[in-house]
PDB file of N, CA and C in Angstrom:
ATOM      1  N   MET A   1     155.247 -33.189 119.777  1.00  0.00           N
ATOM      2  CA  MET A   1     154.687 -34.528 119.633  1.00  0.00           C
ATOM      3  C   MET A   1     155.314 -35.650 120.915  1.00  0.00           C
ATOM      4  N   SER A   2     154.355 -36.389 121.125  1.00  0.00           N
ATOM      5  CA  SER A   2     154.992 -37.013 122.151  1.00  0.00           C
ATOM      6  C   SER A   2     155.580 -38.460 121.801  1.00  0.00           C
ATOM      7  N   GLN A   3     156.128 -39.128 122.466  1.00  0.00           N
ATOM      8  CA  GLN A   3     156.803 -40.437 122.194  1.00  0.00           C
ATOM      9  C   GLN A   3     156.085 -41.717 122.459  1.00  0.00           C
ATOM     10  N   HIS A   4     155.905 -42.740 121.817  1.00  0.00           N
ATOM     11  CA  HIS A   4     155.010 -44.065 122.027  1.00  0.00           C
ATOM     12  C   HIS A   4     155.925 -44.641 123.740  1.00  0.00           C
ATOM     13  N   PRO A   5     154.772 -45.050 124.197  1.00  0.00           N
ATOM     14  CA  PRO A   5     155.190 -45.784 125.567  1.00  0.00           C
ATOM     15  C   PRO A   5     156.465 -46.813 125.360  1.00  0.00           C
ATOM     16  N   SER A   6     156.533 -47.360 124.251  1.00  0.00           N
ATOM     17  CA  SER A   6     157.308 -48.828 123.877  1.00  0.00           C
ATOM     18  C   SER A   6     158.876 -48.348 123.725  1.00  0.00           C
ATOM     19  N   PHE A   7     159.045 -46.915 123.634  1.00  0.00           N
ATOM     20  CA  PHE A   7     160.406 -46.355 123.431  1.00  0.00           C
ATOM     21  C   PHE A   7     160.745 -45.878 124.777  1.00  0.00           C
ATOM     22  N   MET A   8     160.120 -46.033 125.968  1.00  0.00           N
ATOM     23  CA  MET A   8     160.643 -45.511 127.190  1.00  0.00           C
ATOM     24  C   MET A   8     160.789 -46.960 127.834  1.00  0.00           C
ATOM     25  N   LYS A   9     160.525 -48.033 127.441  1.00  0.00           N
ATOM     26  CA  LYS A   9     160.925 -49.373 127.850  1.00  0.00           C
ATOM     27  C   LYS A   9     162.346 -49.488 128.088  1.00  0.00           C
ATOM     28  N   GLY A  10     162.911 -49.335 126.908  1.00  0.00           N
ATOM     29  CA  GLY A  10     164.417 -49.725 126.495  1.00  0.00           C
ATOM     30  C   GLY A  10     165.343 -48.991 127.760  1.00  0.00           C
ATOM     31  N   THR A  11     164.937 -47.925 127.912  1.00  0.00           N
ATOM     32  CA  THR A  11     166.026 -47.405 129.007  1.00  0.00           C
ATOM     33  C   THR A  11     166.117 -48.048 130.259  1.00  0.00           C
ATOM     34  N   ALA A  12     165.130 -48.717 130.854  1.00  0.00           N
ATOM     35  CA  ALA A  12     165.163 -49.528 132.093  1.00  0.00           C
ATOM     36  C   ALA A  12     165.803 -50.627 131.784  1.00  0.00           C
ATOM     37  N   ALA A  13     165.478 -51.203 130.503  1.00  0.00           N
ATOM     38  CA  ALA A  13     166.161 -52.483 130.157  1.00  0.00           C
ATOM     39  C   ALA A  13     167.626 -52.382 129.811  1.00  0.00           C
ATOM     40  N   ALA A  14     168.160 -51.210 129.487  1.00  0.00           N
ATOM     41  CA  ALA A  14     169.341 -51.061 129.056  1.00  0.00           C
ATOM     42  C   ALA A  14     170.333 -51.104 130.503  1.00  0.00           C
ATOM     43  N   ARG A  15     169.719 -50.873 131.534  1.00  0.00           N
ATOM     44  CA  ARG A  15     170.312 -50.800 132.972  1.00  0.00           C
ATOM     45  C   ARG A  15     170.467 -51.905 133.191  1.00  0.00           C
ATOM     46  N   GLN A  16     169.790 -53.011 132.994  1.00  0.00           N
ATOM     47  CA  GLN A  16     170.036 -54.260 133.751  1.00  0.00           C
ATOM     48  C   GLN A  16     171.174 -55.039 133.273  1.00  0.00           C
ATOM     49  N   LYS A  17     171.818 -56.044 134.061  1.00  0.00           N
ATOM     50  CA  LYS A  17     173.147 -56.448 133.753  1.00  0.00           C
ATOM     51  C   LYS A  17     172.614 -57.800 132.688  1.00  0.00           C
ATOM     52  N   ARG A  18     173.307 -57.912 132.027  1.00  0.00           N
ATOM     53  CA  ARG A  18     173.640 -58.768 130.867  1.00  0.00           C
ATOM     54  C   ARG A  18     173.944 -60.151 131.337  1.00  0.00           C
ATOM     55  N   SER A  19     173.451 -61.185 131.245  1.00  0.00           N
ATOM     56  CA  SER A  19     174.002 -62.498 131.388  1.00  0.00           C
ATOM     57  C   SER A  19     174.801 -63.258 130.176  1.00  0.00           C
ATOM     58  N   VAL A  20     174.670 -62.980 128.945  1.00  0.00           N
ATOM     59  CA  VAL A  20     175.461 -63.360 127.882  1.00  0.00           C
ATOM     60  C   VAL A  20     176.159 -62.138 127.472  1.00  0.00           C
ATOM     61  N   LEU A  21     177.430 -62.862 127.077  1.00  0.00           N
ATOM     62  CA  LEU A  21     178.597 -61.831 126.646  1.00  0.00           C
ATOM     63  C   LEU A  21     178.755 -61.876 125.100  1.00  0.00           C
ATOM     64  N   LYS A  22     179.060 -60.870 124.559  1.00  0.00           N
ATOM     65  CA  LYS A  22     179.357 -60.999 122.990  1.00  0.00           C
ATOM     66  C   LYS A  22     180.803 -61.635 122.850  1.00  0.00           C
ATOM     67  N   ARG A  23     180.946 -61.953 121.577  1.00  0.00           N
ATOM     68  CA  ARG A  23     182.366 -62.871 121.434  1.00  0.00           C
ATOM     69  C   ARG A  23     183.563 -62.296 121.799  1.00  0.00           C
ATOM     70  N   PHE A  24     183.584 -60.986 121.421  1.00  0.00           N
ATOM     71  CA  PHE A  24     184.730 -60.081 121.627  1.00  0.00           C
ATOM     72  C   PHE A  24     184.771 -60.032 123.198  1.00  0.00           C
ATOM     73  N   GLU A  25     183.857 -59.782 124.283  1.00  0.00           N
ATOM     74  CA  GLU A  25     183.890 -59.779 125.327  1.00  0.00           C
ATOM     75  C   GLU A  25     184.500 -60.886 126.160  1.00  0.00           C
ATOM     76  N   ARG A  26     183.856 -62.078 125.284  1.00  0.00           N
ATOM     77  CA  ARG A  26     184.507 -63.392 125.867  1.00  0.00           C
ATOM     78  C   ARG A  26     185.768 -63.478 125.848  1.00  0.00           C
ATOM     79  N   VAL A  27     186.291 -63.147 124.470  1.00  0.00           N
ATOM     80  CA  VAL A  27     187.812 -63.243 124.430  1.00  0.00           C
ATOM     81  C   VAL A  27     188.686 -62.359 125.139  1.00  0.00           C
ATOM     82  N   ASP A  28     187.863 -61.114 125.523  1.00  0.00           N
ATOM     83  CA  ASP A  28     188.756 -60.201 126.266  1.00  0.00           C
ATOM     84  C   ASP A  28     188.908 -60.743 127.736  1.00  0.00           C
ATOM     85  N   LEU A  29     187.982 -61.290 128.148  1.00  0.00           N
ATOM     86  CA  LEU A  29     187.789 -61.996 129.598  1.00  0.00           C
ATOM     87  C   LEU A  29     188.613 -63.053 129.692  1.00  0.00           C
ATOM     88  N   LEU A  30     188.571 -63.911 128.439  1.00  0.00           N
ATOM     89  CA  LEU A  30     189.773 -65.015 128.578  1.00  0.00           C
ATOM     90  C   LEU A  30     190.928 -64.637 128.623  1.00  0.00           C
ATOM     91  N   ARG A  31     191.164 -63.596 127.819  1.00  0.00           N
ATOM     92  CA  ARG A  31     192.542 -63.100 127.669  1.00  0.00           C
ATOM     93  C   ARG A  31     193.376 -62.509 129.094  1.00  0.00           C
ATOM     94  N   LYS A  32     192.093 -61.707 129.978  1.00  0.00           N
ATOM     95  CA  LYS A  32     192.535 -61.521 131.160  1.00  0.00           C
ATOM     96  C   LYS A  32     193.018 -62.395 132.293  1.00  0.00           C
ATOM     97  N   ARG A  33     192.125 -63.636 132.106  1.00  0.00           N
ATOM     98  CA  ARG A  33     192.466 -64.694 132.879  1.00  0.00           C
ATOM     99  C   ARG A  33     193.591 -65.760 132.466  1.00  0.00           C
ATOM    100  N   GLY A  34     194.048 -65.099 131.234  1.00  0.00           N
ATOM    101  CA  GLY A  34     195.207 -66.136 130.606  1.00  0.00           C
ATOM    102  C   GLY A  34     194.875 -67.299 130.136  1.00  0.00           C
ATOM    103  N   GLU A  35     193.658 -67.782 129.551  1.00  0.00           N
ATOM    104  CA  GLU A  35     193.245 -68.758 129.074  1.00  0.00           C
ATOM    105  C   GLU A  35     192.979 -68.659 127.677  1.00  0.00           C
ATOM    106  N   TRP A  36     193.525 -67.703 127.284  1.00  0.00           N
ATOM    107  CA  TRP A  36     193.273 -67.442 125.776  1.00  0.00           C
ATOM    108  C   TRP A  36     194.662 -66.770 125.239  1.00  0.00           C
ATOM    109  N   ASN A  37     194.987 -67.323 124.183  1.00  0.00           N
ATOM    110  CA  ASN A  37     196.351 -66.666 123.714  1.00  0.00           C
ATOM    111  C   ASN A  37     196.048 -66.264 122.170  1.00  0.00           C
ATOM    112  N   GLN A  38     196.832 -65.284 121.717  1.00  0.00           N
ATOM    113  CA  GLN A  38     196.813 -64.694 120.441  1.00  0.00           C
ATOM    114  C   GLN A  38     197.048 -65.889 119.442  1.00  0.00           C
ATOM    115  N   GLY A  39     196.043 -66.108 118.253  1.00  0.00           N
ATOM    116  CA  GLY A  39     196.180 -67.216 117.558  1.00  0.00           C
ATOM    117  C   GLY A  39     195.112 -68.289 117.743  1.00  0.00           C
ATOM    118  N   ASP A  40     194.549 -68.386 119.038  1.00  0.00           N
ATOM    119  CA  ASP A  40     193.595 -69.497 119.470  1.00  0.00           C
ATOM    120  C   ASP A  40     192.521 -69.190 118.676  1.00  0.00           C
ATOM    121  N   ARG A  41     191.667 -70.363 118.362  1.00  0.00           N
ATOM    122  CA  ARG A  41     190.383 -70.033 117.754  1.00  0.00           C
ATOM    123  C   ARG A  41     189.352 -69.288 118.645  1.00  0.00           C
ATOM    124  N   VAL A  42     188.460 -68.452 117.543  1.00  0.00           N
ATOM    125  CA  VAL A  42     187.494 -67.831 118.392  1.00  0.00           C
ATOM    126  C   VAL A  42     186.042 -68.459 118.271  1.00  0.00           C
ATOM    127  N   VAL A  43     186.065 -69.728 117.735  1.00  0.00           N
ATOM    128  CA  VAL A  43     184.954 -70.578 117.572  1.00  0.00           C
ATOM    129  C   VAL A  43     184.879 -71.848 118.429  1.00  0.00           C
ATOM    130  N   GLY A  44     183.921 -71.776 119.414  1.00  0.00           N
ATOM    131  CA  GLY A  44     183.976 -72.746 120.481  1.00  0.00           C
ATOM    132  C   GLY A  44     184.624 -72.431 121.673  1.00  0.00           C
ATOM    133  N   LEU A  45     184.354 -71.005 121.926  1.00  0.00           N
ATOM    134  CA  LEU A  45     185.331 -70.319 123.110  1.00  0.00           C
ATOM    135  C   LEU A  45     184.252 -71.083 124.464  1.00  0.00           C
ATOM    136  N   LYS A  46     185.181 -71.191 125.447  1.00  0.00           N
ATOM    137  CA  LYS A  46     184.532 -71.732 126.959  1.00  0.00           C
ATOM    138  C   LYS A  46     183.673 -70.902 127.264  1.00  0.00           C
ATOM    139  N   LYS A  47     182.751 -71.351 128.008  1.00  0.00           N
ATOM    140  CA  LYS A  47     181.679 -70.737 128.972  1.00  0.00           C
ATOM    141  C   LYS A  47     182.212 -69.864 129.844  1.00  0.00           C
ATOM    142  N   THR A  48     182.078 -68.302 129.939  1.00  0.00           N
ATOM    143  CA  THR A  48     182.149 -67.621 130.923  1.00  0.00           C
ATOM    144  C   THR A  48     181.030 -67.316 131.421  1.00  0.00           C
ATOM    145  N   LYS A  49     181.248 -66.520 132.708  1.00  0.00           N
ATOM    146  CA  LYS A  49     180.436 -65.689 133.286  1.00  0.00           C
ATOM    147  C   LYS A  49     180.840 -63.965 133.569  1.00  0.00           C
ATOM    148  N   PRO A  50     179.781 -62.927 133.170  1.00  0.00           N
ATOM    149  CA  PRO A  50     180.737 -61.762 133.213  1.00  0.00           C
ATOM    150  C   PRO A  50     181.163 -61.500 134.786  1.00  0.00           C
ATOM    151  N   GLU A  51     181.929 -60.540 134.466  1.00  0.00           N
ATOM    152  CA  GLU A  51     182.495 -60.185 136.032  1.00  0.00           C
ATOM    153  C   GLU A  51     181.897 -59.278 136.630  1.00  0.00           C
ATOM    154  N   ASP A  52     181.846 -59.299 137.575  1.00  0.00           N
ATOM    155  CA  ASP A  52     180.878 -58.552 138.633  1.00  0.00           C
ATOM    156  C   ASP A  52     181.277 -57.097 139.036  1.00  0.00           C
TER     157      ASP A  52
END
């Protein structure tokens, strides 16, 4: 049985770099930069760009 062509599109899209980070990724990045400490709020985080 063959797969529908729309299933094949996802593999190419998964390789592209995302420009938006999830909250936990933003917290990890801010923690590495020293801009977030344990106990700080996770709501209203600073805008961040992904690492290259």
